[in-house]
Amino acid sequence: MENINRMIHCGAPSFGGAMYGCSNCGHLKFAPFRCKSRFCPTCGNKYSIDRTTSMSFKIIHVKHRHCVFTIAEKLRPFFLKDRSLLNCLFSAVKSVILRMFHKQNKSELFTPGFILVLHTFGRDLKWNPHIHCLLSEGGLDKSGLWRNVNHCNYVFMRNSFQTTLLKELKKKLLFLLIKRFLRSTNITITVFMFMQNLTAAILPKSSNTSDAILTALSSPLPVSMITILPMIL
């Protein structure tokens, strides 16, 4: 609601502004303050133009492809509940793209250029977080030369993204479970070194990892977590 109110009153003189005057002719000009919200059609458009201009000096003028990475509908409510999970989308997409290009030539390890943009809503304005990716058709090799790549393995990208995202969520989930337990018991302990070993204990291997994550996120602290932590302490 705060952003909406700011957007409605964007440029309204009642919300203040700056007065400019000419020292020669004495002409005065009042410039109202803007809301500077990306939701605002005026300020948001300016933000997009500035961002696009900034990126235009960094991009490589080569052919590119537009890819979209989406998540399962069952997982979307948890990204809405905890926005920090959205970072997992960027990490997963980056990992998949670099791995796919490195597989093209394992000796040269091609490094592509790509831009990732997060959209949190679909065309129907419902919550649907997904990543838009502009991916170059090629990459730099170890010697710094540009190598064209005309084939993108979309099957690999889709399957690898699903697997990588679930792994990222496992790590994040483990941290949240530990944080919840420590908050409830007022105990401060360094547990990051145990994260990889505890993941297998908290989230057993399953043929449907997505369901395992959903169950753990929506249920109280598992008994296995309560059993393992006193061993660490």
C-alpha atoms as a PDB file:
ATOM      1  CA  MET A   1       0.000   0.000   0.000  1.00  0.00           C
ATOM      2  CA  GLU A   2       2.905   2.347   0.667  1.00  0.00           C
ATOM      3  CA  ASN A   3       4.098   2.107  -2.943  1.00  0.00           C
ATOM      4  CA  ILE A   4       0.561   2.559  -4.232  1.00  0.00           C
ATOM      5  CA  ASN A   5       0.043   5.742  -2.193  1.00  0.00           C
ATOM      6  CA  ARG A   6       3.382   7.090  -3.359  1.00  0.00           C
ATOM      7  CA  MET A   7       2.502   6.301  -6.968  1.00  0.00           C
ATOM      8  CA  ILE A   8      -0.935   8.006  -6.713  1.00  0.00           C
ATOM      9  CA  HIS A   9       0.569  11.200  -5.285  1.00  0.00           C
ATOM     10  CA  CYS A  10       3.647  11.179  -7.520  1.00  0.00           C
ATOM     11  CA  GLY A  11       4.349  14.764  -8.644  1.00  0.00           C
ATOM     12  CA  ALA A  12       1.665  16.279  -6.412  1.00  0.00           C
ATOM     13  CA  PRO A  13       2.730  19.780  -5.221  1.00  0.00           C
ATOM     14  CA  SER A  14       1.275  19.025  -1.779  1.00  0.00           C
ATOM     15  CA  PHE A  15       4.056  16.471  -1.239  1.00  0.00           C
ATOM     16  CA  GLY A  16       6.765  19.049  -1.739  1.00  0.00           C
ATOM     17  CA  GLY A  17       9.186  19.957  -4.445  1.00  0.00           C
ATOM     18  CA  ALA A  18      12.062  22.220  -5.403  1.00  0.00           C
ATOM     19  CA  MET A  19      11.880  25.845  -6.598  1.00  0.00           C
ATOM     20  CA  TYR A  20      14.368  26.978  -9.220  1.00  0.00           C
ATOM     21  CA  GLY A  21      14.904  30.610 -10.173  1.00  0.00           C
ATOM     22  CA  CYS A  22      16.856  32.499 -12.798  1.00  0.00           C
ATOM     23  CA  SER A  23      19.201  35.084 -11.299  1.00  0.00           C
ATOM     24  CA  ASN A  24      18.977  37.250 -14.448  1.00  0.00           C
ATOM     25  CA  CYS A  25      15.266  37.445 -15.297  1.00  0.00           C
ATOM     26  CA  GLY A  26      13.851  36.286 -11.969  1.00  0.00           C
ATOM     27  CA  HIS A  27      11.707  33.564 -13.566  1.00  0.00           C
ATOM     28  CA  LEU A  28      10.719  30.830 -11.103  1.00  0.00           C
ATOM     29  CA  LYS A  29      10.051  27.166 -11.849  1.00  0.00           C
ATOM     30  CA  PHE A  30       8.576  24.689  -9.357  1.00  0.00           C
ATOM     31  CA  ALA A  31       9.543  21.007  -9.792  1.00  0.00           C
ATOM     32  CA  PRO A  32       7.488  18.590  -7.635  1.00  0.00           C
ATOM     33  CA  PHE A  33       9.154  15.594  -6.024  1.00  0.00           C
ATOM     34  CA  ARG A  34       8.619  12.197  -7.624  1.00  0.00           C
ATOM     35  CA  CYS A  35       7.864   8.931  -5.832  1.00  0.00           C
ATOM     36  CA  LYS A  36      10.817   7.104  -7.455  1.00  0.00           C
ATOM     37  CA  SER A  37       8.885   3.831  -7.285  1.00  0.00           C
ATOM     38  CA  ARG A  38       9.350   1.205  -9.996  1.00  0.00           C
ATOM     39  CA  PHE A  39       5.597   0.588  -9.853  1.00  0.00           C
ATOM     40  CA  CYS A  40       4.953   4.138 -11.036  1.00  0.00           C
ATOM     41  CA  PRO A  41       4.388   4.448 -14.812  1.00  0.00           C
ATOM     42  CA  THR A  42       6.468   7.649 -14.885  1.00  0.00           C
ATOM     43  CA  CYS A  43       9.288   6.856 -12.464  1.00  0.00           C
ATOM     44  CA  GLY A  44       9.344   3.167 -13.373  1.00  0.00           C
ATOM     45  CA  ASN A  45       9.794   3.997 -17.035  1.00  0.00           C
ATOM     46  CA  LYS A  46      12.713   6.279 -16.184  1.00  0.00           C
ATOM     47  CA  TYR A  47      14.258   3.498 -14.095  1.00  0.00           C
ATOM     48  CA  SER A  48      13.913   1.084 -17.031  1.00  0.00           C
ATOM     49  CA  ILE A  49      15.510   3.558 -19.441  1.00  0.00           C
ATOM     50  CA  ASP A  50      18.439   4.233 -17.083  1.00  0.00           C
ATOM     51  CA  ARG A  51      18.921   0.521 -16.450  1.00  0.00           C
ATOM     52  CA  THR A  52      18.765  -0.321 -20.151  1.00  0.00           C
ATOM     53  CA  THR A  53      21.248   2.425 -21.010  1.00  0.00           C
ATOM     54  CA  SER A  54      23.641   1.180 -18.347  1.00  0.00           C
ATOM     55  CA  MET A  55      23.419  -2.409 -19.609  1.00  0.00           C
ATOM     56  CA  SER A  56      23.883  -1.371 -23.255  1.00  0.00           C
ATOM     57  CA  PHE A  57      27.505  -0.431 -22.525  1.00  0.00           C
ATOM     58  CA  LYS A  58      28.220  -3.895 -21.106  1.00  0.00           C
ATOM     59  CA  ILE A  59      26.556  -6.247 -23.597  1.00  0.00           C
ATOM     60  CA  ILE A  60      28.310  -8.047 -26.438  1.00  0.00           C
ATOM     61  CA  HIS A  61      26.910  -7.457 -29.922  1.00  0.00           C
ATOM     62  CA  VAL A  62      26.282 -11.088 -30.879  1.00  0.00           C
ATOM     63  CA  LYS A  63      23.255 -13.240 -31.564  1.00  0.00           C
ATOM     64  CA  HIS A  64      21.308 -14.253 -28.499  1.00  0.00           C
ATOM     65  CA  ARG A  65      18.369 -16.378 -27.399  1.00  0.00           C
ATOM     66  CA  HIS A  66      15.547 -15.638 -24.987  1.00  0.00           C
ATOM     67  CA  CYS A  67      14.915 -18.389 -22.413  1.00  0.00           C
ATOM     68  CA  VAL A  68      12.401 -18.485 -19.569  1.00  0.00           C
ATOM     69  CA  PHE A  69      12.931 -20.550 -16.407  1.00  0.00           C
ATOM     70  CA  THR A  70       9.787 -21.271 -14.401  1.00  0.00           C
ATOM     71  CA  ILE A  71       9.063 -23.259 -11.240  1.00  0.00           C
ATOM     72  CA  ALA A  72       6.414 -25.797 -10.299  1.00  0.00           C
ATOM     73  CA  GLU A  73       3.086 -24.312  -9.233  1.00  0.00           C
ATOM     74  CA  LYS A  74       3.231 -26.147  -5.897  1.00  0.00           C
ATOM     75  CA  LEU A  75       6.450 -24.345  -4.959  1.00  0.00           C
ATOM     76  CA  ARG A  76       5.277 -20.815  -5.765  1.00  0.00           C
ATOM     77  CA  PRO A  77       3.493 -20.067  -2.433  1.00  0.00           C
ATOM     78  CA  PHE A  78       6.706 -20.679  -0.516  1.00  0.00           C
ATOM     79  CA  PHE A  79       8.603 -18.163  -2.631  1.00  0.00           C
ATOM     80  CA  LEU A  80       5.823 -15.689  -1.829  1.00  0.00           C
ATOM     81  CA  LYS A  81       6.065 -16.433   1.887  1.00  0.00           C
ATOM     82  CA  ASP A  82       9.858 -16.091   1.946  1.00  0.00           C
ATOM     83  CA  ARG A  83      11.188 -13.723  -0.724  1.00  0.00           C
ATOM     84  CA  SER A  84      14.787 -14.674   0.105  1.00  0.00           C
ATOM     85  CA  LEU A  85      14.159 -17.950  -1.771  1.00  0.00           C
ATOM     86  CA  LEU A  86      14.060 -15.925  -5.003  1.00  0.00           C
ATOM     87  CA  ASN A  87      17.857 -15.736  -4.861  1.00  0.00           C
ATOM     88  CA  CYS A  88      17.882 -19.498  -5.425  1.00  0.00           C
ATOM     89  CA  LEU A  89      16.409 -18.923  -8.893  1.00  0.00           C
ATOM     90  CA  PHE A  90      19.349 -16.766  -9.965  1.00  0.00           C
ATOM     91  CA  SER A  91      21.895 -19.195  -8.515  1.00  0.00           C
ATOM     92  CA  ALA A  92      20.272 -22.173 -10.229  1.00  0.00           C
ATOM     93  CA  VAL A  93      20.010 -20.523 -13.668  1.00  0.00           C
ATOM     94  CA  LYS A  94      23.609 -19.282 -13.535  1.00  0.00           C
ATOM     95  CA  SER A  95      24.877 -22.732 -12.583  1.00  0.00           C
ATOM     96  CA  VAL A  96      22.922 -24.446 -15.381  1.00  0.00           C
ATOM     97  CA  ILE A  97      24.058 -22.040 -18.123  1.00  0.00           C
ATOM     98  CA  LEU A  98      27.743 -22.191 -17.204  1.00  0.00           C
ATOM     99  CA  ARG A  99      27.627 -25.989 -16.941  1.00  0.00           C
ATOM    100  CA  MET A 100      25.924 -26.331 -20.333  1.00  0.00           C
ATOM    101  CA  PHE A 101      28.540 -24.195 -22.097  1.00  0.00           C
ATOM    102  CA  HIS A 102      31.413 -25.915 -20.332  1.00  0.00           C
ATOM    103  CA  LYS A 103      30.064 -29.214 -21.636  1.00  0.00           C
ATOM    104  CA  GLN A 104      30.283 -27.851 -25.187  1.00  0.00           C
ATOM    105  CA  ASN A 105      34.071 -27.949 -24.958  1.00  0.00           C
ATOM    106  CA  LYS A 106      35.553 -29.240 -21.711  1.00  0.00           C
ATOM    107  CA  SER A 107      39.076 -28.198 -22.652  1.00  0.00           C
ATOM    108  CA  GLU A 108      38.248 -24.568 -23.494  1.00  0.00           C
ATOM    109  CA  LEU A 109      35.420 -24.063 -20.944  1.00  0.00           C
ATOM    110  CA  PHE A 110      33.374 -21.546 -22.943  1.00  0.00           C
ATOM    111  CA  THR A 111      32.049 -18.631 -20.879  1.00  0.00           C
ATOM    112  CA  PRO A 112      28.836 -17.140 -22.322  1.00  0.00           C
ATOM    113  CA  GLY A 113      27.239 -13.759 -21.780  1.00  0.00           C
ATOM    114  CA  PHE A 114      23.782 -13.667 -20.237  1.00  0.00           C
ATOM    115  CA  ILE A 115      21.386 -11.274 -18.521  1.00  0.00           C
ATOM    116  CA  LEU A 116      18.908 -12.541 -15.905  1.00  0.00           C
ATOM    117  CA  VAL A 117      15.725 -10.652 -15.023  1.00  0.00           C
ATOM    118  CA  LEU A 118      13.250 -11.730 -12.360  1.00  0.00           C
ATOM    119  CA  HIS A 119       9.510 -11.441 -12.996  1.00  0.00           C
ATOM    120  CA  THR A 120       7.293 -12.228 -10.025  1.00  0.00           C
ATOM    121  CA  PHE A 121       3.921 -12.156 -11.807  1.00  0.00           C
ATOM    122  CA  GLY A 122       2.559 -13.693 -14.982  1.00  0.00           C
ATOM    123  CA  ARG A 123       0.340 -12.129 -17.621  1.00  0.00           C
ATOM    124  CA  ASP A 124      -2.729 -12.886 -15.508  1.00  0.00           C
ATOM    125  CA  LEU A 125      -1.148 -10.870 -12.635  1.00  0.00           C
ATOM    126  CA  LYS A 126      -1.005 -13.956 -10.418  1.00  0.00           C
ATOM    127  CA  TRP A 127       2.080 -14.817  -8.361  1.00  0.00           C
ATOM    128  CA  ASN A 128       4.376 -16.704 -10.702  1.00  0.00           C
ATOM    129  CA  PRO A 129       8.108 -16.061 -10.101  1.00  0.00           C
ATOM    130  CA  HIS A 130      10.244 -16.867 -13.134  1.00  0.00           C
ATOM    131  CA  ILE A 131      13.536 -15.830 -14.710  1.00  0.00           C
ATOM    132  CA  HIS A 132      13.894 -14.295 -18.171  1.00  0.00           C
ATOM    133  CA  CYS A 133      17.320 -14.959 -19.610  1.00  0.00           C
ATOM    134  CA  LEU A 134      19.015 -13.353 -22.621  1.00  0.00           C
ATOM    135  CA  LEU A 135      21.709 -15.851 -23.563  1.00  0.00           C
ATOM    136  CA  SER A 136      24.462 -15.307 -26.114  1.00  0.00           C
ATOM    137  CA  GLU A 137      24.920 -17.862 -28.892  1.00  0.00           C
ATOM    138  CA  GLY A 138      28.540 -18.405 -28.060  1.00  0.00           C
ATOM    139  CA  GLY A 139      31.180 -17.686 -25.455  1.00  0.00           C
ATOM    140  CA  LEU A 140      34.784 -16.799 -24.740  1.00  0.00           C
ATOM    141  CA  ASP A 141      37.362 -19.560 -24.592  1.00  0.00           C
ATOM    142  CA  LYS A 142      40.452 -19.636 -22.364  1.00  0.00           C
ATOM    143  CA  SER A 143      42.457 -17.635 -24.900  1.00  0.00           C
ATOM    144  CA  GLY A 144      39.841 -14.857 -24.958  1.00  0.00           C
ATOM    145  CA  LEU A 145      38.546 -15.666 -28.451  1.00  0.00           C
ATOM    146  CA  TRP A 146      34.827 -15.693 -29.181  1.00  0.00           C
ATOM    147  CA  ARG A 147      33.407 -19.073 -30.188  1.00  0.00           C
ATOM    148  CA  ASN A 148      29.989 -19.375 -31.783  1.00  0.00           C
ATOM    149  CA  VAL A 149      27.585 -21.953 -30.381  1.00  0.00           C
ATOM    150  CA  ASN A 150      24.525 -22.612 -32.531  1.00  0.00           C
ATOM    151  CA  HIS A 151      22.933 -25.380 -30.467  1.00  0.00           C
ATOM    152  CA  CYS A 152      21.274 -25.070 -27.067  1.00  0.00           C
ATOM    153  CA  ASN A 153      20.248 -28.270 -25.302  1.00  0.00           C
ATOM    154  CA  TYR A 154      16.876 -27.223 -23.937  1.00  0.00           C
ATOM    155  CA  VAL A 155      16.185 -30.655 -22.461  1.00  0.00           C
ATOM    156  CA  PHE A 156      19.410 -30.445 -20.456  1.00  0.00           C
ATOM    157  CA  MET A 157      18.603 -26.892 -19.372  1.00  0.00           C
ATOM    158  CA  ARG A 158      15.114 -27.814 -18.163  1.00  0.00           C
ATOM    159  CA  ASN A 159      16.085 -30.972 -16.304  1.00  0.00           C
ATOM    160  CA  SER A 160      19.267 -29.504 -14.890  1.00  0.00           C
ATOM    161  CA  PHE A 161      17.451 -26.374 -13.696  1.00  0.00           C
ATOM    162  CA  GLN A 162      14.861 -28.434 -11.821  1.00  0.00           C
ATOM    163  CA  THR A 163      17.548 -30.502 -10.102  1.00  0.00           C
ATOM    164  CA  THR A 164      19.790 -27.546  -9.283  1.00  0.00           C
ATOM    165  CA  LEU A 165      16.913 -25.466  -7.918  1.00  0.00           C
ATOM    166  CA  LEU A 166      15.827 -28.261  -5.584  1.00  0.00           C
ATOM    167  CA  LYS A 167      19.406 -28.550  -4.307  1.00  0.00           C
ATOM    168  CA  GLU A 168      19.523 -24.813  -3.675  1.00  0.00           C
ATOM    169  CA  LEU A 169      16.214 -25.022  -1.803  1.00  0.00           C
ATOM    170  CA  LYS A 170      17.554 -27.884   0.306  1.00  0.00           C
ATOM    171  CA  LYS A 171      20.457 -25.743   1.476  1.00  0.00           C
ATOM    172  CA  LYS A 172      18.174 -22.793   2.173  1.00  0.00           C
ATOM    173  CA  LEU A 173      15.629 -25.003   3.913  1.00  0.00           C
ATOM    174  CA  LEU A 174      18.265 -26.473   6.174  1.00  0.00           C
ATOM    175  CA  PHE A 175      19.383 -23.023   7.252  1.00  0.00           C
ATOM    176  CA  LEU A 176      15.773 -21.982   7.971  1.00  0.00           C
ATOM    177  CA  LEU A 177      15.114 -25.110  10.040  1.00  0.00           C
ATOM    178  CA  ILE A 178      18.254 -24.554  12.115  1.00  0.00           C
ATOM    179  CA  LYS A 179      17.424 -20.864  12.521  1.00  0.00           C
ATOM    180  CA  ARG A 180      13.889 -21.721  13.663  1.00  0.00           C
ATOM    181  CA  PHE A 181      15.177 -24.171  16.235  1.00  0.00           C
ATOM    182  CA  LEU A 182      17.835 -21.809  17.594  1.00  0.00           C
ATOM    183  CA  ARG A 183      15.319 -18.963  17.800  1.00  0.00           C
ATOM    184  CA  SER A 184      12.887 -21.075  19.802  1.00  0.00           C
ATOM    185  CA  THR A 185      15.570 -22.185  22.269  1.00  0.00           C
ATOM    186  CA  ASN A 186      17.563 -18.912  22.355  1.00  0.00           C
ATOM    187  CA  ILE A 187      20.776 -20.806  21.582  1.00  0.00           C
ATOM    188  CA  THR A 188      23.522 -19.285  19.444  1.00  0.00           C
ATOM    189  CA  ILE A 189      25.693 -21.812  17.644  1.00  0.00           C
ATOM    190  CA  THR A 190      27.740 -21.967  14.461  1.00  0.00           C
ATOM    191  CA  VAL A 191      26.224 -24.714  12.347  1.00  0.00           C
ATOM    192  CA  PHE A 192      27.200 -23.828   8.790  1.00  0.00           C
ATOM    193  CA  MET A 193      29.987 -26.420   8.638  1.00  0.00           C
ATOM    194  CA  PHE A 194      27.420 -29.138   9.278  1.00  0.00           C
ATOM    195  CA  MET A 195      24.962 -28.067   6.551  1.00  0.00           C
ATOM    196  CA  GLN A 196      25.916 -30.583   3.895  1.00  0.00           C
ATOM    197  CA  ASN A 197      25.994 -33.510   6.320  1.00  0.00           C
ATOM    198  CA  LEU A 198      22.684 -32.580   7.918  1.00  0.00           C
ATOM    199  CA  THR A 199      20.840 -32.117   4.624  1.00  0.00           C
ATOM    200  CA  ALA A 200      20.659 -35.850   4.012  1.00  0.00           C
ATOM    201  CA  ALA A 201      19.401 -36.438   7.560  1.00  0.00           C
ATOM    202  CA  ILE A 202      16.692 -33.759   7.499  1.00  0.00           C
ATOM    203  CA  LEU A 203      15.521 -34.351   3.934  1.00  0.00           C
ATOM    204  CA  PRO A 204      15.886 -38.061   3.129  1.00  0.00           C
ATOM    205  CA  LYS A 205      16.472 -38.965  -0.485  1.00  0.00           C
ATOM    206  CA  SER A 206      13.152 -39.357  -2.248  1.00  0.00           C
ATOM    207  CA  SER A 207      11.956 -40.001  -5.753  1.00  0.00           C
ATOM    208  CA  ASN A 208       9.934 -36.800  -5.405  1.00  0.00           C
ATOM    209  CA  THR A 209      12.225 -34.221  -3.803  1.00  0.00           C
ATOM    210  CA  SER A 210       9.712 -31.444  -4.457  1.00  0.00           C
ATOM    211  CA  ASP A 211       7.147 -33.102  -2.184  1.00  0.00           C
ATOM    212  CA  ALA A 212       9.804 -33.586   0.495  1.00  0.00           C
ATOM    213  CA  ILE A 213      10.616 -29.874   0.449  1.00  0.00           C
ATOM    214  CA  LEU A 214       6.950 -28.913   0.588  1.00  0.00           C
ATOM    215  CA  THR A 215       6.344 -31.209   3.550  1.00  0.00           C
ATOM    216  CA  ALA A 216       9.314 -29.852   5.464  1.00  0.00           C
ATOM    217  CA  LEU A 217       8.435 -26.217   4.777  1.00  0.00           C
ATOM    218  CA  SER A 218       4.813 -26.540   5.826  1.00  0.00           C
ATOM    219  CA  SER A 219       5.278 -28.794   8.871  1.00  0.00           C
ATOM    220  CA  PRO A 220       6.690 -28.098  12.354  1.00  0.00           C
ATOM    221  CA  LEU A 221      10.327 -28.772  13.128  1.00  0.00           C
ATOM    222  CA  PRO A 222      11.049 -32.452  12.352  1.00  0.00           C
ATOM    223  CA  VAL A 223      11.922 -34.828  15.166  1.00  0.00           C
ATOM    224  CA  SER A 224      15.169 -35.699  13.368  1.00  0.00           C
ATOM    225  CA  MET A 225      16.225 -32.043  13.668  1.00  0.00           C
ATOM    226  CA  ILE A 226      15.547 -31.995  17.398  1.00  0.00           C
ATOM    227  CA  THR A 227      17.518 -35.214  17.762  1.00  0.00           C
ATOM    228  CA  ILE A 228      20.541 -34.105  15.728  1.00  0.00           C
ATOM    229  CA  LEU A 229      21.107 -30.636  17.162  1.00  0.00           C
ATOM    230  CA  PRO A 230      21.723 -31.733  20.783  1.00  0.00           C
ATOM    231  CA  MET A 231      24.459 -34.004  19.402  1.00  0.00           C
ATOM    232  CA  ILE A 232      26.124 -30.939  17.885  1.00  0.00           C
ATOM    233  CA  LEU A 233      25.762 -28.951  21.083  1.00  0.00           C
END
